């Protein structure tokens, strides 16, 4: 059975209806990843809970979506990992700035695709 190593990138995006920028950014990023990487998937919104550093001990409930895309690279390869981390760090900082969020989570678990 043939297989290939890939890296799945998952971006946790807040869902907001009080401003259009969240939907604009989500649409742009979904399309950008689909065009650049061959496809992307956006989950339906669900509730996330987190302890805000700005809210003291309070727990904040957020509606979030996960946008995910498989990158045709193996994160175990140091050259691939360096490029991936540079791209994801820039993306995370850009999203935090545009959306004015405390944090944006991006994770990248390895996957093996069966061919």
N, C-alpha and C. Protein backbone atom coordinates (compact mmCIF):
# COMPACT_ATOMS: atom_id res chain seq x y z
N UNK A 1 0.85 -1.18 0.00
CA UNK A 1 0.00 0.00 0.00
C UNK A 1 0.90 1.24 0.00
N UNK A 2 0.69 2.11 -0.95
CA UNK A 2 1.49 3.34 -1.06
C UNK A 2 0.94 4.42 -0.14
N UNK A 3 1.85 5.25 0.36
CA UNK A 3 1.43 6.34 1.25
C UNK A 3 2.40 7.52 1.08
N UNK A 4 1.99 8.65 1.59
CA UNK A 4 2.87 9.83 1.58
C UNK A 4 2.69 10.60 2.88
N UNK A 5 3.78 11.19 3.33
CA UNK A 5 3.76 12.02 4.53
C UNK A 5 3.31 13.43 4.15
N UNK A 6 2.43 13.99 4.94
CA UNK A 6 1.96 15.35 4.77
C UNK A 6 1.87 15.99 6.16
N UNK A 7 1.56 17.27 6.17
CA UNK A 7 1.34 17.98 7.43
C UNK A 7 0.01 18.70 7.33
N UNK A 8 -0.87 18.43 8.28
CA UNK A 8 -2.17 19.11 8.31
C UNK A 8 -2.02 20.39 9.15
N UNK A 9 -2.40 21.51 8.59
CA UNK A 9 -2.38 22.78 9.30
C UNK A 9 -3.82 23.10 9.69
N UNK A 10 -4.03 23.34 10.98
CA UNK A 10 -5.35 23.67 11.51
C UNK A 10 -5.29 25.05 12.14
N UNK A 11 -6.16 25.94 11.66
CA UNK A 11 -6.21 27.32 12.15
C UNK A 11 -7.54 27.52 12.86
N UNK A 12 -7.48 27.87 14.13
CA UNK A 12 -8.68 28.08 14.93
C UNK A 12 -9.10 29.54 14.80
N UNK A 13 -10.24 29.77 14.13
CA UNK A 13 -10.70 31.13 13.83
C UNK A 13 -11.95 31.48 14.62
N UNK A 14 -11.94 32.60 15.31
CA UNK A 14 -13.15 33.05 16.01
C UNK A 14 -14.25 33.39 15.01
N UNK A 15 -15.48 33.18 15.41
CA UNK A 15 -16.64 33.56 14.59
C UNK A 15 -17.25 34.79 15.25
N UNK A 16 -17.33 35.87 14.51
CA UNK A 16 -17.93 37.10 15.02
C UNK A 16 -18.94 37.60 13.99
N UNK A 17 -20.05 38.10 14.47
CA UNK A 17 -21.07 38.64 13.57
C UNK A 17 -21.21 40.15 13.72
N UNK A 18 -20.48 40.73 14.67
CA UNK A 18 -20.60 42.17 14.93
C UNK A 18 -19.72 43.02 14.01
N UNK A 19 -18.85 42.37 13.24
CA UNK A 19 -17.99 43.08 12.30
C UNK A 19 -17.72 42.18 11.10
N UNK A 20 -17.63 42.76 9.93
CA UNK A 20 -17.47 41.98 8.70
C UNK A 20 -16.07 41.41 8.53
N UNK A 21 -15.07 41.95 9.21
CA UNK A 21 -13.68 41.56 8.98
C UNK A 21 -13.44 40.07 9.23
N UNK A 22 -14.12 39.48 10.20
CA UNK A 22 -13.92 38.06 10.50
C UNK A 22 -14.33 37.20 9.31
N UNK A 23 -15.49 37.50 8.72
CA UNK A 23 -15.94 36.71 7.58
C UNK A 23 -15.06 36.97 6.36
N UNK A 24 -14.64 38.20 6.17
CA UNK A 24 -13.76 38.53 5.05
C UNK A 24 -12.45 37.76 5.16
N UNK A 25 -11.85 37.76 6.35
CA UNK A 25 -10.58 37.05 6.57
C UNK A 25 -10.76 35.55 6.42
N UNK A 26 -11.84 34.99 6.96
CA UNK A 26 -12.10 33.56 6.84
C UNK A 26 -12.27 33.15 5.39
N UNK A 27 -13.06 33.92 4.63
CA UNK A 27 -13.26 33.63 3.21
C UNK A 27 -11.95 33.72 2.44
N UNK A 28 -11.19 34.81 2.68
CA UNK A 28 -9.92 34.99 1.99
C UNK A 28 -8.96 33.84 2.27
N UNK A 29 -8.79 33.50 3.55
CA UNK A 29 -7.83 32.47 3.92
C UNK A 29 -8.26 31.10 3.41
N UNK A 30 -9.54 30.79 3.47
CA UNK A 30 -10.04 29.51 2.94
C UNK A 30 -9.73 29.38 1.45
N UNK A 31 -10.00 30.44 0.71
CA UNK A 31 -9.75 30.43 -0.74
C UNK A 31 -8.25 30.41 -1.03
N UNK A 32 -7.48 31.17 -0.29
CA UNK A 32 -6.03 31.21 -0.48
C UNK A 32 -5.42 29.83 -0.29
N UNK A 33 -5.80 29.13 0.78
CA UNK A 33 -5.26 27.79 1.02
C UNK A 33 -5.75 26.81 -0.03
N UNK A 34 -7.01 26.93 -0.45
CA UNK A 34 -7.53 26.03 -1.49
C UNK A 34 -6.75 26.19 -2.79
N UNK A 35 -6.49 27.43 -3.18
CA UNK A 35 -5.76 27.68 -4.42
C UNK A 35 -4.28 27.28 -4.31
N UNK A 36 -3.66 27.60 -3.19
CA UNK A 36 -2.23 27.35 -3.02
C UNK A 36 -1.91 25.88 -2.71
N UNK A 37 -2.82 25.20 -2.02
CA UNK A 37 -2.52 23.85 -1.53
C UNK A 37 -3.45 22.77 -2.10
N UNK A 38 -4.38 23.16 -2.96
CA UNK A 38 -5.24 22.17 -3.59
C UNK A 38 -6.56 21.94 -2.89
N UNK A 39 -6.77 22.54 -1.75
CA UNK A 39 -8.05 22.40 -1.04
C UNK A 39 -7.95 22.86 0.38
N UNK A 40 -9.10 23.19 0.95
CA UNK A 40 -9.17 23.53 2.38
C UNK A 40 -10.56 23.15 2.86
N UNK A 41 -10.69 22.98 4.17
CA UNK A 41 -11.96 22.61 4.78
C UNK A 41 -12.21 23.53 5.96
N UNK A 42 -13.44 24.02 6.06
CA UNK A 42 -13.85 24.88 7.17
C UNK A 42 -14.98 24.19 7.92
N UNK A 43 -14.77 23.99 9.21
CA UNK A 43 -15.80 23.32 10.02
C UNK A 43 -16.97 24.26 10.29
N UNK A 44 -18.08 23.68 10.71
CA UNK A 44 -19.19 24.50 11.18
C UNK A 44 -18.79 25.07 12.54
N UNK A 45 -19.35 26.21 12.92
CA UNK A 45 -18.97 26.81 14.21
C UNK A 45 -19.33 25.91 15.40
N UNK A 46 -18.50 25.98 16.43
CA UNK A 46 -18.77 25.30 17.69
C UNK A 46 -18.25 26.17 18.82
N UNK A 47 -18.63 25.83 20.03
CA UNK A 47 -18.26 26.64 21.19
C UNK A 47 -16.92 26.20 21.75
N UNK A 48 -16.06 27.18 21.96
CA UNK A 48 -14.78 26.94 22.62
C UNK A 48 -14.74 27.72 23.92
N UNK A 49 -14.02 27.23 24.88
CA UNK A 49 -13.86 27.89 26.18
C UNK A 49 -12.38 28.14 26.42
N UNK A 50 -12.07 29.32 26.93
CA UNK A 50 -10.68 29.58 27.28
C UNK A 50 -10.62 30.56 28.44
N UNK A 51 -9.51 30.48 29.17
CA UNK A 51 -9.26 31.40 30.26
C UNK A 51 -8.48 32.58 29.69
N UNK A 52 -9.09 33.74 29.70
CA UNK A 52 -8.48 34.92 29.12
C UNK A 52 -7.47 35.52 30.09
N UNK A 53 -6.32 35.92 29.56
CA UNK A 53 -5.34 36.60 30.39
C UNK A 53 -5.81 38.02 30.71
N UNK A 54 -6.69 38.55 29.90
CA UNK A 54 -7.23 39.90 30.14
C UNK A 54 -8.44 39.89 31.07
N UNK A 55 -8.99 38.72 31.35
CA UNK A 55 -10.22 38.63 32.15
C UNK A 55 -9.96 38.05 33.54
N UNK A 56 -8.71 38.03 33.97
CA UNK A 56 -8.41 37.48 35.28
C UNK A 56 -8.65 35.98 35.30
N UNK A 57 -9.53 35.54 36.19
CA UNK A 57 -9.81 34.11 36.31
C UNK A 57 -11.03 33.69 35.50
N UNK A 58 -11.62 34.58 34.76
CA UNK A 58 -12.85 34.29 34.03
C UNK A 58 -12.64 33.39 32.83
N UNK A 59 -13.68 32.64 32.53
CA UNK A 59 -13.69 31.78 31.35
C UNK A 59 -14.53 32.46 30.28
N UNK A 60 -13.99 32.51 29.08
CA UNK A 60 -14.67 33.15 27.96
C UNK A 60 -15.19 32.06 27.03
N UNK A 61 -16.43 32.21 26.59
CA UNK A 61 -17.02 31.31 25.60
C UNK A 61 -16.92 31.99 24.26
N UNK A 62 -16.41 31.27 23.29
CA UNK A 62 -16.23 31.78 21.95
C UNK A 62 -16.83 30.82 20.95
N UNK A 63 -17.37 31.35 19.88
CA UNK A 63 -17.73 30.53 18.74
C UNK A 63 -16.49 30.50 17.84
N UNK A 64 -16.06 29.30 17.46
CA UNK A 64 -14.88 29.17 16.62
C UNK A 64 -15.15 28.19 15.47
N UNK A 65 -14.34 28.33 14.45
CA UNK A 65 -14.30 27.39 13.34
C UNK A 65 -12.85 26.96 13.18
N UNK A 66 -12.68 25.76 12.66
CA UNK A 66 -11.33 25.31 12.33
C UNK A 66 -11.22 25.24 10.81
N UNK A 67 -10.24 25.95 10.30
CA UNK A 67 -9.91 25.88 8.89
C UNK A 67 -8.70 24.98 8.78
N UNK A 68 -8.82 23.89 8.00
CA UNK A 68 -7.66 23.03 7.88
C UNK A 68 -7.34 22.72 6.43
N UNK A 69 -6.06 22.42 6.23
CA UNK A 69 -5.51 22.20 4.91
C UNK A 69 -4.30 21.29 5.05
N UNK A 70 -4.15 20.36 4.13
CA UNK A 70 -2.98 19.48 4.15
C UNK A 70 -1.88 20.06 3.27
N UNK A 71 -0.71 20.25 3.87
CA UNK A 71 0.45 20.76 3.16
C UNK A 71 1.27 19.57 2.67
N UNK A 72 1.71 19.64 1.43
CA UNK A 72 2.48 18.58 0.81
C UNK A 72 3.94 18.69 1.25
N UNK A 73 4.15 18.44 2.55
CA UNK A 73 5.50 18.45 3.11
C UNK A 73 5.53 17.59 4.36
N UNK A 74 6.70 17.18 4.71
CA UNK A 74 6.92 16.33 5.87
C UNK A 74 7.60 17.18 6.95
N UNK A 75 6.90 17.46 8.04
CA UNK A 75 7.44 18.30 9.10
C UNK A 75 8.63 17.67 9.82
N UNK A 76 8.88 16.37 9.59
CA UNK A 76 10.07 15.73 10.15
C UNK A 76 11.34 16.12 9.39
N UNK A 77 11.16 16.68 8.20
CA UNK A 77 12.29 17.15 7.39
C UNK A 77 12.64 18.57 7.86
N UNK A 78 13.86 18.80 8.35
CA UNK A 78 14.21 20.12 8.88
C UNK A 78 14.01 21.27 7.89
N UNK A 79 14.28 21.04 6.62
CA UNK A 79 14.09 22.11 5.62
C UNK A 79 12.62 22.45 5.46
N UNK A 80 11.78 21.41 5.44
CA UNK A 80 10.33 21.63 5.34
C UNK A 80 9.81 22.33 6.60
N UNK A 81 10.28 21.88 7.76
CA UNK A 81 9.80 22.44 9.02
C UNK A 81 10.13 23.92 9.13
N UNK A 82 11.32 24.31 8.74
CA UNK A 82 11.71 25.72 8.80
C UNK A 82 10.79 26.60 7.96
N UNK A 83 10.50 26.17 6.74
CA UNK A 83 9.61 26.92 5.86
C UNK A 83 8.20 26.98 6.44
N UNK A 84 7.73 25.85 6.96
CA UNK A 84 6.38 25.79 7.54
C UNK A 84 6.26 26.72 8.74
N UNK A 85 7.21 26.67 9.66
CA UNK A 85 7.15 27.50 10.86
C UNK A 85 7.23 28.99 10.52
N UNK A 86 8.04 29.34 9.55
CA UNK A 86 8.13 30.74 9.13
C UNK A 86 6.78 31.21 8.58
N UNK A 87 6.18 30.43 7.71
CA UNK A 87 4.88 30.78 7.12
C UNK A 87 3.80 30.88 8.20
N UNK A 88 3.73 29.87 9.08
CA UNK A 88 2.67 29.85 10.10
C UNK A 88 2.84 30.94 11.14
N UNK A 89 4.06 31.27 11.50
CA UNK A 89 4.30 32.36 12.45
C UNK A 89 3.85 33.68 11.86
N UNK A 90 4.22 33.94 10.61
CA UNK A 90 3.77 35.17 9.94
C UNK A 90 2.25 35.22 9.83
N UNK A 91 1.64 34.09 9.47
CA UNK A 91 0.19 34.03 9.34
C UNK A 91 -0.49 34.30 10.68
N UNK A 92 0.00 33.67 11.74
CA UNK A 92 -0.59 33.85 13.07
C UNK A 92 -0.52 35.31 13.51
N UNK A 93 0.63 35.93 13.36
CA UNK A 93 0.79 37.33 13.77
C UNK A 93 -0.10 38.26 12.93
N UNK A 94 -0.21 37.97 11.64
CA UNK A 94 -1.08 38.77 10.78
C UNK A 94 -2.53 38.63 11.20
N UNK A 95 -2.98 37.41 11.46
CA UNK A 95 -4.37 37.20 11.89
C UNK A 95 -4.65 37.88 13.22
N UNK A 96 -3.71 37.79 14.17
CA UNK A 96 -3.90 38.44 15.47
C UNK A 96 -4.04 39.94 15.30
N UNK A 97 -3.23 40.52 14.42
CA UNK A 97 -3.28 41.97 14.21
C UNK A 97 -4.57 42.38 13.49
N UNK A 98 -4.90 41.72 12.42
CA UNK A 98 -6.10 42.10 11.65
C UNK A 98 -7.37 41.90 12.47
N UNK A 99 -7.45 40.78 13.20
CA UNK A 99 -8.65 40.47 13.96
C UNK A 99 -8.64 41.05 15.37
N UNK A 100 -7.53 41.62 15.77
CA UNK A 100 -7.39 42.19 17.11
C UNK A 100 -7.72 41.16 18.19
N UNK A 101 -7.10 39.99 18.07
CA UNK A 101 -7.32 38.88 19.01
C UNK A 101 -6.13 38.73 19.94
N UNK A 102 -6.39 38.25 21.16
CA UNK A 102 -5.31 37.94 22.11
C UNK A 102 -4.38 36.88 21.54
N UNK A 103 -4.96 35.90 20.89
CA UNK A 103 -4.20 34.77 20.38
C UNK A 103 -4.97 34.13 19.24
N UNK A 104 -4.26 33.49 18.35
CA UNK A 104 -4.84 32.65 17.31
C UNK A 104 -4.06 31.35 17.34
N UNK A 105 -4.78 30.26 17.53
CA UNK A 105 -4.11 28.96 17.59
C UNK A 105 -3.96 28.38 16.20
N UNK A 106 -2.75 27.91 15.91
CA UNK A 106 -2.47 27.16 14.68
C UNK A 106 -1.67 25.94 15.10
N UNK A 107 -2.14 24.78 14.69
CA UNK A 107 -1.42 23.54 15.00
C UNK A 107 -1.09 22.82 13.68
N UNK A 108 -0.11 21.91 13.73
CA UNK A 108 0.29 21.22 12.51
C UNK A 108 0.66 19.76 12.81
N UNK A 109 -0.34 18.89 12.96
CA UNK A 109 -0.05 17.48 13.20
C UNK A 109 0.37 16.77 11.91
N UNK A 110 1.28 15.80 12.02
CA UNK A 110 1.66 15.04 10.84
C UNK A 110 0.54 14.06 10.46
N UNK A 111 0.39 13.82 9.18
CA UNK A 111 -0.57 12.82 8.73
C UNK A 111 0.10 11.96 7.66
N UNK A 112 -0.43 10.78 7.49
CA UNK A 112 0.01 9.90 6.41
C UNK A 112 -1.20 9.65 5.52
N UNK A 113 -1.05 9.98 4.28
CA UNK A 113 -2.13 9.82 3.31
C UNK A 113 -1.92 8.53 2.54
N UNK A 114 -2.95 7.72 2.48
CA UNK A 114 -2.91 6.46 1.72
C UNK A 114 -3.19 6.80 0.26
N UNK A 115 -2.37 6.31 -0.63
CA UNK A 115 -2.53 6.58 -2.07
C UNK A 115 -3.25 5.44 -2.75
